[in-house]
Protein backbone atom coordinates (compact mmCIF):
# COMPACT_ATOMS: atom_id res chain seq x y z
CA MET A 1 -88.45 40.61 -79.74
CA TYR A 2 -90.27 42.35 -82.59
CA LYS A 3 -87.70 40.90 -84.98
CA GLN A 4 -88.51 37.41 -83.66
CA ILE A 5 -92.25 37.96 -84.13
CA ALA A 6 -91.76 39.13 -87.71
CA GLN A 7 -89.43 36.21 -88.36
CA ASN A 8 -91.98 33.73 -87.04
CA LYS A 9 -94.69 35.19 -89.27
CA ARG A 10 -92.39 34.71 -92.29
CA ARG A 11 -91.60 31.17 -91.16
CA THR A 12 -95.31 30.38 -91.07
CA ILE A 13 -95.62 31.21 -94.77
CA ILE A 14 -92.48 29.21 -95.61
CA ILE A 15 -93.66 26.19 -93.63
CA MET A 16 -97.06 26.31 -95.37
CA MET A 17 -95.24 26.32 -98.72
CA VAL A 18 -93.01 23.42 -97.68
CA PHE A 19 -96.12 21.57 -96.52
CA VAL A 20 -97.81 21.94 -99.93
CA VAL A 21 -94.61 20.99 -101.80
CA ILE A 22 -94.16 17.78 -99.77
CA ILE A 23 -97.79 16.78 -100.25
CA VAL A 24 -97.62 17.51 -103.97
CA ALA A 25 -94.43 15.43 -104.22
CA ILE A 26 -96.22 12.46 -102.67
CA GLY A 27 -99.19 13.12 -104.95
CA ALA A 28 -96.94 13.17 -108.00
CA ALA A 29 -95.44 9.82 -107.02
CA VAL A 30 -98.92 8.31 -106.58
CA ALA A 31 -100.13 9.88 -109.85
CA TYR A 32 -97.16 8.39 -111.71
CA PHE A 33 -97.80 5.03 -110.08
CA VAL A 34 -101.48 4.88 -111.11
CA ASN A 35 -100.76 6.69 -114.41
CA ASP A 36 -103.43 9.29 -113.74
CA TRP A 37 -102.20 12.89 -113.36
CA TRP A 38 -105.63 14.06 -112.21
CA VAL A 39 -104.61 12.51 -108.89
CA LEU A 40 -101.94 15.20 -108.53
CA LEU A 41 -104.50 17.96 -109.04
CA TRP A 42 -106.81 16.48 -106.42
CA VAL A 43 -103.94 16.06 -103.96
CA PHE A 44 -102.97 19.72 -104.46
CA ILE A 45 -106.55 20.89 -103.93
CA ALA A 46 -106.99 18.66 -100.88
CA SER A 47 -103.69 19.79 -99.34
CA THR A 48 -104.62 23.45 -99.82
CA ILE A 49 -108.04 22.94 -98.23
CA TYR A 50 -106.44 21.02 -95.38
CA ALA A 51 -103.90 23.81 -94.79
CA VAL A 52 -106.72 26.35 -94.41
CA ILE A 53 -108.72 24.06 -92.09
CA GLN A 54 -105.59 23.31 -90.09
CA TYR A 55 -104.93 27.01 -89.58
CA PHE A 56 -108.25 27.41 -87.78
CA ALA A 57 -108.66 23.99 -86.14
CA ALA A 58 -105.19 22.82 -85.07
CA GLY A 59 -105.40 24.36 -81.61
CA SER A 60 -108.60 22.46 -80.82
CA ILE A 61 -107.16 19.26 -82.26
CA ALA A 62 -104.00 19.57 -80.18
CA THR A 63 -105.89 20.09 -76.93
CA ALA A 64 -108.21 17.18 -77.72
CA MET A 65 -105.30 14.87 -78.47
CA SER A 66 -103.61 15.79 -75.18
CA GLY A 67 -106.75 15.03 -73.19
CA ALA A 68 -106.84 18.60 -71.87
CA ARG A 69 -110.03 20.13 -70.47
CA GLU A 70 -110.85 23.82 -70.20
CA ILE A 71 -111.11 25.26 -66.70
CA THR A 72 -112.41 28.40 -65.03
CA LYS A 73 -110.95 30.22 -62.05
CA LYS A 74 -113.05 28.24 -59.55
CA ASP A 75 -111.82 24.92 -60.99
CA ASN A 76 -108.15 25.65 -60.29
CA PRO A 77 -107.52 29.18 -58.95
CA ARG A 78 -103.75 28.69 -58.72
CA LEU A 79 -103.23 27.87 -62.41
CA TYR A 80 -105.87 30.31 -63.64
CA ASN A 81 -104.47 33.20 -61.58
CA ALA A 82 -100.93 32.50 -62.82
CA VAL A 83 -102.09 32.76 -66.43
CA GLU A 84 -104.29 35.80 -65.73
CA ASN A 85 -101.53 37.71 -63.92
CA LEU A 86 -99.03 37.09 -66.70
CA SER A 87 -101.61 38.04 -69.31
CA ILE A 88 -101.87 41.43 -67.60
CA THR A 89 -98.08 41.72 -67.22
CA THR A 90 -97.38 40.97 -70.88
CA GLY A 91 -100.34 42.98 -72.20
CA LEU A 92 -101.70 39.92 -74.01
CA PRO A 93 -105.36 38.89 -74.28
CA MET A 94 -106.35 36.34 -71.66
CA PRO A 95 -105.90 32.88 -73.23
CA LYS A 96 -108.14 29.93 -72.52
CA VAL A 97 -106.76 27.84 -69.66
CA TYR A 98 -106.67 24.05 -69.83
CA ILE A 99 -105.53 21.36 -67.43
CA ILE A 100 -104.33 17.85 -68.30
CA ASP A 101 -104.84 15.00 -65.84
CA ASP A 102 -101.37 13.50 -66.17
CA PRO A 103 -98.65 12.91 -63.55
CA ALA A 104 -95.91 13.87 -66.03
CA PRO A 105 -94.92 17.51 -65.39
CA ASN A 106 -95.43 19.48 -68.59
CA ALA A 107 -97.17 22.46 -70.18
CA PHE A 108 -97.85 23.85 -73.63
CA ALA A 109 -99.37 26.78 -75.49
CA THR A 110 -101.15 26.64 -78.82
CA GLY A 111 -103.43 28.69 -81.08
CA ARG A 112 -103.16 30.67 -84.30
CA ASP A 113 -102.50 34.06 -82.63
CA PRO A 114 -102.63 35.76 -79.20
CA GLU A 115 -106.37 36.41 -79.59
CA HIS A 116 -107.05 32.68 -79.98
CA ALA A 117 -104.43 31.22 -77.64
CA VAL A 118 -104.58 28.30 -75.22
CA VAL A 119 -102.27 27.62 -72.27
CA ALA A 120 -102.35 24.18 -70.68
CA ALA A 121 -100.53 22.51 -67.79
CA THR A 122 -100.54 19.00 -66.39
CA THR A 123 -101.58 18.09 -62.87
CA GLY A 124 -98.06 16.69 -62.47
CA LEU A 125 -96.58 20.13 -63.12
CA LEU A 126 -98.87 21.77 -60.58
CA ASP A 127 -97.92 19.14 -57.99
CA ILE A 128 -94.15 19.67 -58.12
CA MET A 129 -93.79 23.40 -58.84
CA ASN A 130 -93.93 26.11 -56.21
CA ASP A 131 -95.63 29.39 -57.12
CA LYS A 132 -92.47 31.08 -58.45
CA GLU A 133 -91.56 28.10 -60.58
CA LEU A 134 -95.13 27.78 -61.89
CA THR A 135 -95.08 31.47 -62.78
CA ALA A 136 -91.83 30.93 -64.70
CA VAL A 137 -93.30 28.01 -66.65
CA ILE A 138 -96.46 29.95 -67.54
CA ALA A 139 -94.28 32.95 -68.51
CA HIS A 140 -92.39 30.59 -70.84
CA GLU A 141 -95.68 29.57 -72.46
CA MET A 142 -96.93 33.15 -72.67
CA SER A 143 -93.66 34.01 -74.42
CA HIS A 144 -94.55 31.48 -77.10
CA VAL A 145 -97.88 33.26 -77.48
CA LYS A 146 -96.32 36.72 -77.65
CA ASN A 147 -93.59 35.65 -80.10
CA TYR A 148 -96.14 33.90 -82.36
CA ASP A 149 -94.28 30.63 -81.81
CA ILE A 150 -97.70 29.04 -81.29
CA ARG A 151 -98.63 29.71 -84.91
CA VAL A 152 -95.43 28.10 -86.18
CA SER A 153 -95.90 25.09 -83.90
CA MET A 154 -99.52 24.74 -85.00
CA ILE A 155 -98.61 24.65 -88.69
CA VAL A 156 -95.79 22.16 -88.06
CA PHE A 157 -98.20 20.03 -86.02
CA GLY A 158 -100.58 19.88 -88.97
CA LEU A 159 -97.75 19.20 -91.40
CA VAL A 160 -96.47 16.20 -89.46
CA CYS A 161 -99.97 14.75 -88.97
CA VAL A 162 -101.01 14.92 -92.60
CA ILE A 163 -97.64 13.84 -93.99
CA GLY A 164 -97.76 10.67 -91.90
CA LEU A 165 -101.37 9.99 -92.95
CA ILE A 166 -100.80 10.53 -96.69
CA SER A 167 -97.55 8.55 -96.65
CA ASP A 168 -99.42 5.63 -95.11
CA ILE A 169 -102.19 5.92 -97.71
CA ALA A 170 -99.60 6.04 -100.52
CA MET A 171 -97.93 2.83 -99.31
CA ARG A 172 -101.30 1.07 -99.03
CA MET A 173 -102.23 2.19 -102.54
CA MET A 174 -98.96 0.80 -103.83
CA PHE A 175 -99.58 -2.66 -102.41
CA TYR A 176 -103.28 -2.61 -103.32
CA GLY A 177 -102.48 -1.43 -106.82
CA ASN A 178 -99.85 -4.14 -107.07
CA ARG A 179 -102.47 -6.83 -106.44
CA ARG A 180 -104.95 -5.21 -108.83
CA ARG A 181 -102.41 -5.00 -111.67
CA ASP A 182 -100.83 -8.43 -111.15
CA ASN A 183 -97.30 -7.04 -110.72
CA GLU A 184 -97.31 -5.14 -114.05
CA GLY A 185 -96.50 -1.76 -112.48
CA SER A 186 -93.40 0.20 -113.48
CA PRO A 187 -90.36 -0.37 -111.21
CA VAL A 188 -89.67 3.37 -111.36
CA ALA A 189 -93.16 4.08 -110.01
CA TYR A 190 -92.61 1.72 -107.10
CA ILE A 191 -89.28 3.35 -106.28
CA LEU A 192 -90.75 6.87 -106.43
CA ILE A 193 -93.69 6.09 -104.18
CA VAL A 194 -91.55 4.21 -101.64
CA VAL A 195 -88.99 7.05 -101.53
CA ALA A 196 -91.76 9.66 -101.15
CA ALA A 197 -93.58 7.69 -98.46
CA ILE A 198 -90.42 7.03 -96.43
CA PHE A 199 -88.57 10.33 -96.74
CA ALA A 200 -91.53 12.72 -96.52
CA PRO A 201 -92.16 11.96 -92.81
CA ILE A 202 -88.42 12.26 -92.15
CA LEU A 203 -88.36 15.66 -93.85
CA ALA A 204 -91.39 16.70 -91.82
CA ALA A 205 -89.65 15.62 -88.60
CA ILE A 206 -86.49 17.54 -89.51
CA THR A 207 -88.59 20.65 -90.25
CA GLN A 208 -90.30 20.26 -86.89
CA MET A 209 -86.97 19.91 -85.09
CA ALA A 210 -85.39 22.88 -86.89
CA VAL A 211 -88.14 25.35 -85.98
CA SER A 212 -88.54 24.15 -82.39
CA ARG A 213 -85.15 24.04 -80.65
CA GLU A 214 -84.15 27.70 -80.82
CA ARG A 215 -87.69 28.74 -79.85
CA GLU A 216 -87.26 26.96 -76.52
CA TYR A 217 -84.07 28.86 -75.70
CA LEU A 218 -85.75 32.14 -76.63
CA ALA A 219 -88.87 31.37 -74.57
CA ASP A 220 -86.71 30.53 -71.53
CA ALA A 221 -84.94 33.89 -71.82
CA SER A 222 -88.21 35.73 -72.50
CA ALA A 223 -89.76 34.17 -69.38
CA VAL A 224 -86.89 35.54 -67.29
CA ASN A 225 -87.37 38.98 -68.84
CA ILE A 226 -91.06 38.86 -67.93
CA THR A 227 -90.65 37.65 -64.34
CA ARG A 228 -87.31 39.39 -63.63
CA TYR A 229 -86.40 36.28 -61.64
CA PRO A 230 -83.90 33.95 -63.41
CA GLU A 231 -83.85 31.47 -60.53
CA GLY A 232 -87.54 30.72 -61.03
CA MET A 233 -86.99 29.47 -64.59
CA ILE A 234 -83.76 27.70 -63.69
CA ASP A 235 -85.35 25.88 -60.75
CA ALA A 236 -88.39 24.96 -62.86
CA LEU A 237 -86.18 23.41 -65.54
CA LYS A 238 -84.21 21.52 -62.89
CA LYS A 239 -87.45 20.06 -61.53
CA LEU A 240 -88.55 19.11 -65.04
CA GLN A 241 -85.18 17.40 -65.44
CA SER A 242 -85.39 15.43 -62.20
CA HIS A 243 -89.10 14.52 -62.54
CA SER A 244 -89.15 14.00 -66.32
CA ARG A 245 -91.37 11.17 -67.53
CA PRO A 246 -93.37 10.44 -70.71
CA MET A 247 -96.97 11.58 -70.84
CA LYS A 248 -99.87 9.15 -71.07
CA ASN A 249 -101.27 10.67 -74.27
CA GLN A 250 -98.20 10.82 -76.49
CA ASN A 251 -98.09 12.13 -80.04
CA SER A 252 -94.92 12.98 -81.92
CA ALA A 253 -96.75 15.55 -84.06
CA SER A 254 -97.59 17.73 -81.04
CA ALA A 255 -94.37 17.10 -79.06
CA SER A 256 -92.77 20.39 -80.11
CA MET A 257 -95.50 22.41 -78.37
CA TYR A 258 -94.54 21.26 -74.86
CA ILE A 259 -92.00 22.87 -72.53
CA ASN A 260 -90.38 19.44 -72.10
CA ASN A 261 -90.31 16.49 -74.48
CA PRO A 262 -93.43 14.42 -73.65
CA LEU A 263 -92.29 11.30 -75.54
CA ARG A 264 -90.46 8.20 -74.41
CA LYS A 265 -86.76 8.50 -75.05
CA GLY A 266 -85.33 6.15 -77.65
CA PHE A 267 -82.32 5.61 -79.87
CA PHE A 268 -83.09 8.58 -82.14
CA ASP A 269 -84.10 10.90 -79.28
CA ASN A 270 -81.14 13.27 -79.53
CA MET A 271 -81.10 13.23 -83.34
CA PHE A 272 -84.75 14.10 -83.91
CA SER A 273 -85.79 15.63 -80.59
CA THR A 274 -87.77 18.83 -80.94
CA HIS A 275 -86.28 20.10 -77.66
CA PRO A 276 -82.71 21.01 -76.72
CA PRO A 277 -81.44 19.05 -73.67
CA LEU A 278 -82.66 20.51 -70.38
CA GLU A 279 -79.10 20.70 -69.06
CA LYS A 280 -78.14 23.00 -71.96
CA ARG A 281 -81.16 25.21 -71.36
CA ILE A 282 -80.23 25.45 -67.66
CA GLU A 283 -76.63 26.17 -68.56
CA ARG A 284 -77.60 29.05 -70.86
CA LEU A 285 -79.74 30.64 -68.17
CA GLU A 286 -77.05 30.16 -65.51
CA HIS A 287 -74.47 31.89 -67.71
CA GLY A 288 -76.75 34.74 -68.65
CA LYS A 289 -78.77 35.34 -65.50
CA PHE A 290 -76.76 38.41 -64.49
CA ASN A 291 -77.37 39.99 -67.91
CA PHE A 292 -81.19 39.90 -67.82
């Protein structure tokens, strides 16, 4: 477990570096296109400032995008008590508790560290889970907090958001610049900016997928270690499988934070999904439940 925490802290630094490199690559393509290398410097400065802001603000952004609202014990004693009890069990600071008014059963954890963590669950999850299954799901999310997975997810969330935004801006600049310069731009510049704008989001998605899938397996196993009840996690995953549906407020950038994929399934679902299939997660727990 300590090895995983240390590994996730190293991954955070690596992901931040990858983030800056991708943004600088897009900036270089735009700078070459407009023939002004000061653009690259400003993109680098802006990406660095954004990375710092993202580190402190991503948790709040993620909860706002999900439509989650913070609750107290009197608002929903069942959810609040589940989080509070597991906070005591794991020795972690009590995270803020949020609830999402959505019939899709799901939950997530976010924040930059255990001292600034958030745990959220949908009304749909609370409706279908019994107390043992709800405890297993919250234990899964608390495992993400304890393992510092939330920090990695937060940085990836910011990476995907800004890459998509800057890629869109780069493409618009290309077409706008094309009209301004009456088609006198260099063909190489057009190729560079198109390649950067198309492949940067794909690279961001692959990065998101790579850091997310194994974390889900680990959090499932960690939840069982916390609760000492494998059947709770197994039954919870089975209910997520049978009641799975897309959430109302969908965002691909934040999808990796959830216990189950909140997006509509499409052609590229298996290729770029941030989550391993639920049946494989259940299978792993079934095979290992006597070893916990």
